[in-house]
Amino acid sequence: MPGLPLNGMILSFLFFAFLAYLLFRLVFDFVLPIYRTTRKVKRTFREMNERMNAQQNTRPPQPQQEKSNSNQKSTLGEYIDFEEVKD
């Protein structure tokens, strides 16, 4: 930069050094921790999912109970409709 005096070159250098420092801090204090945390959470969910699948595969299948309307009526009894009588 031949047109800049020595004072301008120093200020320019300090400005770009400050920008580089800010970029460095942004990457190492913000982006990298978010990346690590995201990776850890994904790994934790994957392990939890694998454990749940393994647990479901080892558990014996439970018989499904079919509920029909006629079966429910016989166990509950008859429904008697009544009207309120006023004196």
N, C-alpha and C. Protein backbone atom coordinates (compact mmCIF):
# COMPACT_ATOMS: atom_id res chain seq x y z
N MET A 1 0.83 -1.16 0.00
CA MET A 1 0.00 0.00 0.00
C MET A 1 0.89 1.24 0.00
N PRO A 2 1.31 1.63 -1.15
CA PRO A 2 2.24 2.75 -1.21
C PRO A 2 1.61 4.09 -0.89
N GLY A 3 0.31 4.25 -1.07
CA GLY A 3 -0.33 5.54 -0.85
C GLY A 3 -0.61 5.83 0.60
N LEU A 4 -0.63 4.82 1.46
CA LEU A 4 -0.94 5.02 2.87
C LEU A 4 0.32 5.43 3.64
N PRO A 5 0.19 6.38 4.52
CA PRO A 5 1.33 6.69 5.38
C PRO A 5 1.51 5.59 6.42
N LEU A 6 2.58 5.63 7.15
CA LEU A 6 2.92 4.61 8.12
C LEU A 6 1.83 4.48 9.19
N ASN A 7 1.26 5.57 9.61
CA ASN A 7 0.20 5.57 10.60
C ASN A 7 -1.03 4.83 10.09
N GLY A 8 -1.39 5.01 8.82
CA GLY A 8 -2.54 4.33 8.21
C GLY A 8 -2.31 2.85 8.07
N MET A 9 -1.09 2.46 7.79
CA MET A 9 -0.77 1.04 7.66
C MET A 9 -0.89 0.35 9.01
N ILE A 10 -0.47 1.02 10.05
CA ILE A 10 -0.56 0.43 11.39
C ILE A 10 -2.02 0.27 11.78
N LEU A 11 -2.83 1.30 11.53
CA LEU A 11 -4.25 1.22 11.84
C LEU A 11 -4.92 0.13 11.03
N SER A 12 -4.56 0.00 9.76
CA SER A 12 -5.12 -1.04 8.91
C SER A 12 -4.75 -2.43 9.44
N PHE A 13 -3.49 -2.59 9.82
CA PHE A 13 -3.04 -3.86 10.38
C PHE A 13 -3.79 -4.18 11.67
N LEU A 14 -3.92 -3.20 12.55
CA LEU A 14 -4.63 -3.42 13.81
C LEU A 14 -6.10 -3.77 13.56
N PHE A 15 -6.72 -3.13 12.59
CA PHE A 15 -8.11 -3.42 12.26
C PHE A 15 -8.27 -4.86 11.79
N PHE A 16 -7.40 -5.30 10.87
CA PHE A 16 -7.50 -6.67 10.37
C PHE A 16 -7.10 -7.70 11.44
N ALA A 17 -6.17 -7.34 12.31
CA ALA A 17 -5.81 -8.23 13.41
C ALA A 17 -6.99 -8.38 14.37
N PHE A 18 -7.69 -7.28 14.63
CA PHE A 18 -8.87 -7.32 15.50
C PHE A 18 -9.97 -8.17 14.86
N LEU A 19 -10.19 -8.02 13.56
CA LEU A 19 -11.18 -8.85 12.86
C LEU A 19 -10.81 -10.33 12.93
N ALA A 20 -9.52 -10.64 12.75
CA ALA A 20 -9.07 -12.03 12.84
C ALA A 20 -9.30 -12.58 14.25
N TYR A 21 -9.03 -11.75 15.26
CA TYR A 21 -9.25 -12.15 16.64
C TYR A 21 -10.73 -12.42 16.90
N LEU A 22 -11.61 -11.55 16.41
CA LEU A 22 -13.05 -11.75 16.58
C LEU A 22 -13.51 -13.03 15.89
N LEU A 23 -13.01 -13.29 14.71
CA LEU A 23 -13.36 -14.51 13.98
C LEU A 23 -12.88 -15.75 14.75
N PHE A 24 -11.65 -15.66 15.28
CA PHE A 24 -11.10 -16.76 16.07
C PHE A 24 -11.98 -17.03 17.29
N ARG A 25 -12.36 -15.98 18.02
CA ARG A 25 -13.20 -16.14 19.20
C ARG A 25 -14.57 -16.70 18.83
N LEU A 26 -15.13 -16.22 17.72
CA LEU A 26 -16.44 -16.71 17.27
C LEU A 26 -16.39 -18.21 17.01
N VAL A 27 -15.36 -18.65 16.30
CA VAL A 27 -15.25 -20.07 15.96
C VAL A 27 -15.03 -20.92 17.19
N PHE A 28 -14.10 -20.54 18.05
CA PHE A 28 -13.73 -21.40 19.16
C PHE A 28 -14.61 -21.23 20.40
N ASP A 29 -15.33 -20.14 20.52
CA ASP A 29 -16.20 -19.96 21.68
C ASP A 29 -17.67 -20.16 21.37
N PHE A 30 -18.04 -20.21 20.09
CA PHE A 30 -19.45 -20.33 19.75
C PHE A 30 -19.72 -21.50 18.81
N VAL A 31 -19.06 -21.51 17.67
CA VAL A 31 -19.37 -22.53 16.64
C VAL A 31 -18.90 -23.91 17.09
N LEU A 32 -17.70 -24.03 17.56
CA LEU A 32 -17.16 -25.34 17.95
C LEU A 32 -17.93 -25.96 19.11
N PRO A 33 -18.25 -25.22 20.18
CA PRO A 33 -19.06 -25.84 21.25
C PRO A 33 -20.45 -26.27 20.78
N ILE A 34 -21.07 -25.51 19.91
CA ILE A 34 -22.39 -25.91 19.38
C ILE A 34 -22.25 -27.20 18.57
N TYR A 35 -21.21 -27.29 17.77
CA TYR A 35 -20.98 -28.50 16.97
C TYR A 35 -20.77 -29.71 17.88
N ARG A 36 -19.95 -29.55 18.91
CA ARG A 36 -19.68 -30.67 19.83
C ARG A 36 -20.94 -31.08 20.58
N THR A 37 -21.70 -30.11 21.05
CA THR A 37 -22.92 -30.41 21.78
C THR A 37 -23.93 -31.12 20.90
N THR A 38 -24.09 -30.66 19.68
CA THR A 38 -25.02 -31.29 18.74
C THR A 38 -24.61 -32.73 18.48
N ARG A 39 -23.33 -32.95 18.28
CA ARG A 39 -22.84 -34.31 18.03
C ARG A 39 -23.09 -35.21 19.24
N LYS A 40 -22.88 -34.67 20.45
CA LYS A 40 -23.09 -35.45 21.68
C LYS A 40 -24.57 -35.79 21.86
N VAL A 41 -25.45 -34.83 21.59
CA VAL A 41 -26.89 -35.07 21.74
C VAL A 41 -27.35 -36.12 20.73
N LYS A 42 -26.88 -36.03 19.51
CA LYS A 42 -27.24 -37.04 18.50
C LYS A 42 -26.79 -38.43 18.93
N ARG A 43 -25.57 -38.52 19.45
CA ARG A 43 -25.04 -39.81 19.89
C ARG A 43 -25.88 -40.36 21.05
N THR A 44 -26.27 -39.48 21.99
CA THR A 44 -27.07 -39.90 23.14
C THR A 44 -28.43 -40.41 22.68
N PHE A 45 -29.08 -39.69 21.76
CA PHE A 45 -30.38 -40.14 21.26
C PHE A 45 -30.26 -41.46 20.51
N ARG A 46 -29.20 -41.62 19.73
CA ARG A 46 -28.99 -42.86 18.99
C ARG A 46 -28.82 -44.03 19.96
N GLU A 47 -28.01 -43.84 21.02
CA GLU A 47 -27.82 -44.91 22.01
C GLU A 47 -29.12 -45.23 22.74
N MET A 48 -29.89 -44.20 23.08
CA MET A 48 -31.16 -44.42 23.76
C MET A 48 -32.12 -45.19 22.85
N ASN A 49 -32.14 -44.84 21.59
CA ASN A 49 -33.01 -45.53 20.64
C ASN A 49 -32.60 -47.00 20.49
N GLU A 50 -31.30 -47.25 20.44
CA GLU A 50 -30.81 -48.63 20.33
C GLU A 50 -31.19 -49.44 21.58
N ARG A 51 -31.06 -48.82 22.76
CA ARG A 51 -31.43 -49.52 24.00
C ARG A 51 -32.92 -49.83 24.03
N MET A 52 -33.74 -48.87 23.58
CA MET A 52 -35.19 -49.11 23.57
C MET A 52 -35.55 -50.22 22.59
N ASN A 53 -34.92 -50.23 21.42
CA ASN A 53 -35.18 -51.30 20.45
C ASN A 53 -34.74 -52.65 21.00
N ALA A 54 -33.60 -52.69 21.65
CA ALA A 54 -33.12 -53.95 22.21
C ALA A 54 -34.06 -54.41 23.32
N GLN A 55 -34.57 -53.49 24.13
CA GLN A 55 -35.48 -53.84 25.20
C GLN A 55 -36.80 -54.35 24.65
N GLN A 56 -37.29 -53.76 23.58
CA GLN A 56 -38.55 -54.21 22.98
C GLN A 56 -38.39 -55.58 22.34
N ASN A 57 -37.22 -55.85 21.78
CA ASN A 57 -36.99 -57.15 21.14
C ASN A 57 -36.85 -58.26 22.17
N THR A 58 -36.38 -57.98 23.37
CA THR A 58 -36.22 -59.03 24.36
C THR A 58 -37.51 -59.29 25.14
N ARG A 59 -38.42 -58.34 25.17
CA ARG A 59 -39.68 -58.49 25.89
C ARG A 59 -40.62 -59.39 25.08
N PRO A 60 -41.28 -60.36 25.73
CA PRO A 60 -42.21 -61.22 24.99
C PRO A 60 -43.40 -60.39 24.51
N PRO A 61 -43.90 -60.71 23.33
CA PRO A 61 -45.05 -59.95 22.81
C PRO A 61 -46.27 -60.16 23.69
N GLN A 62 -46.97 -59.09 23.97
CA GLN A 62 -48.17 -59.18 24.80
C GLN A 62 -49.38 -59.42 23.90
N PRO A 63 -50.26 -60.33 24.32
CA PRO A 63 -51.44 -60.60 23.49
C PRO A 63 -52.34 -59.37 23.42
N GLN A 64 -52.85 -59.14 22.25
CA GLN A 64 -53.74 -58.00 22.07
C GLN A 64 -55.15 -58.41 22.47
N GLN A 65 -55.77 -57.56 23.25
CA GLN A 65 -57.12 -57.84 23.69
C GLN A 65 -58.09 -57.14 22.75
N GLU A 66 -58.96 -57.94 22.17
CA GLU A 66 -59.96 -57.37 21.28
C GLU A 66 -61.19 -57.03 22.09
N LYS A 67 -61.62 -55.81 21.96
CA LYS A 67 -62.81 -55.38 22.69
C LYS A 67 -63.93 -55.16 21.68
N SER A 68 -64.96 -55.93 21.84
CA SER A 68 -66.11 -55.76 20.96
C SER A 68 -67.25 -55.16 21.77
N ASN A 69 -68.18 -54.57 21.11
CA ASN A 69 -69.31 -53.93 21.79
C ASN A 69 -70.16 -54.94 22.54
N SER A 70 -70.36 -56.11 21.96
CA SER A 70 -71.20 -57.11 22.62
C SER A 70 -70.51 -57.63 23.89
N ASN A 71 -69.21 -57.77 23.85
CA ASN A 71 -68.47 -58.24 25.01
C ASN A 71 -68.52 -57.22 26.14
N GLN A 72 -68.43 -55.95 25.79
CA GLN A 72 -68.48 -54.91 26.80
C GLN A 72 -69.86 -54.83 27.44
N LYS A 73 -70.89 -54.99 26.65
CA LYS A 73 -72.24 -54.90 27.19
C LYS A 73 -72.52 -56.03 28.17
N SER A 74 -72.01 -57.21 27.88
CA SER A 74 -72.27 -58.33 28.77
C SER A 74 -71.53 -58.17 30.10
N THR A 75 -70.36 -57.54 30.08
CA THR A 75 -69.62 -57.37 31.33
C THR A 75 -70.14 -56.19 32.14
N LEU A 76 -70.73 -55.21 31.48
CA LEU A 76 -71.21 -54.03 32.19
C LEU A 76 -72.64 -54.17 32.67
N GLY A 77 -73.38 -55.01 32.09
CA GLY A 77 -74.78 -55.16 32.45
C GLY A 77 -75.67 -54.36 31.52
N GLU A 78 -76.96 -54.40 31.80
CA GLU A 78 -77.90 -53.69 30.92
C GLU A 78 -78.02 -52.24 31.33
N TYR A 79 -78.28 -51.40 30.36
CA TYR A 79 -78.51 -49.99 30.60
C TYR A 79 -80.01 -49.76 30.69
N ILE A 80 -80.45 -49.17 31.77
CA ILE A 80 -81.87 -48.92 31.95
C ILE A 80 -82.09 -47.42 31.91
N ASP A 81 -82.90 -47.00 30.96
CA ASP A 81 -83.20 -45.59 30.81
C ASP A 81 -84.33 -45.23 31.76
N PHE A 82 -84.17 -44.13 32.47
CA PHE A 82 -85.24 -43.74 33.38
C PHE A 82 -85.52 -42.24 33.23
N GLU A 83 -86.70 -41.87 33.66
CA GLU A 83 -87.10 -40.48 33.65
C GLU A 83 -87.35 -40.04 35.07
N GLU A 84 -87.02 -38.80 35.35
CA GLU A 84 -87.22 -38.28 36.67
C GLU A 84 -88.69 -37.88 36.82
N VAL A 85 -89.32 -38.31 37.91
CA VAL A 85 -90.71 -38.02 38.16
C VAL A 85 -90.81 -36.90 39.15
N LYS A 86 -91.58 -35.84 38.78
CA LYS A 86 -91.74 -34.70 39.66
C LYS A 86 -93.11 -34.78 40.32
N ASP A 87 -93.20 -34.46 41.56
CA ASP A 87 -94.49 -34.49 42.27
C ASP A 87 -95.25 -33.21 42.10
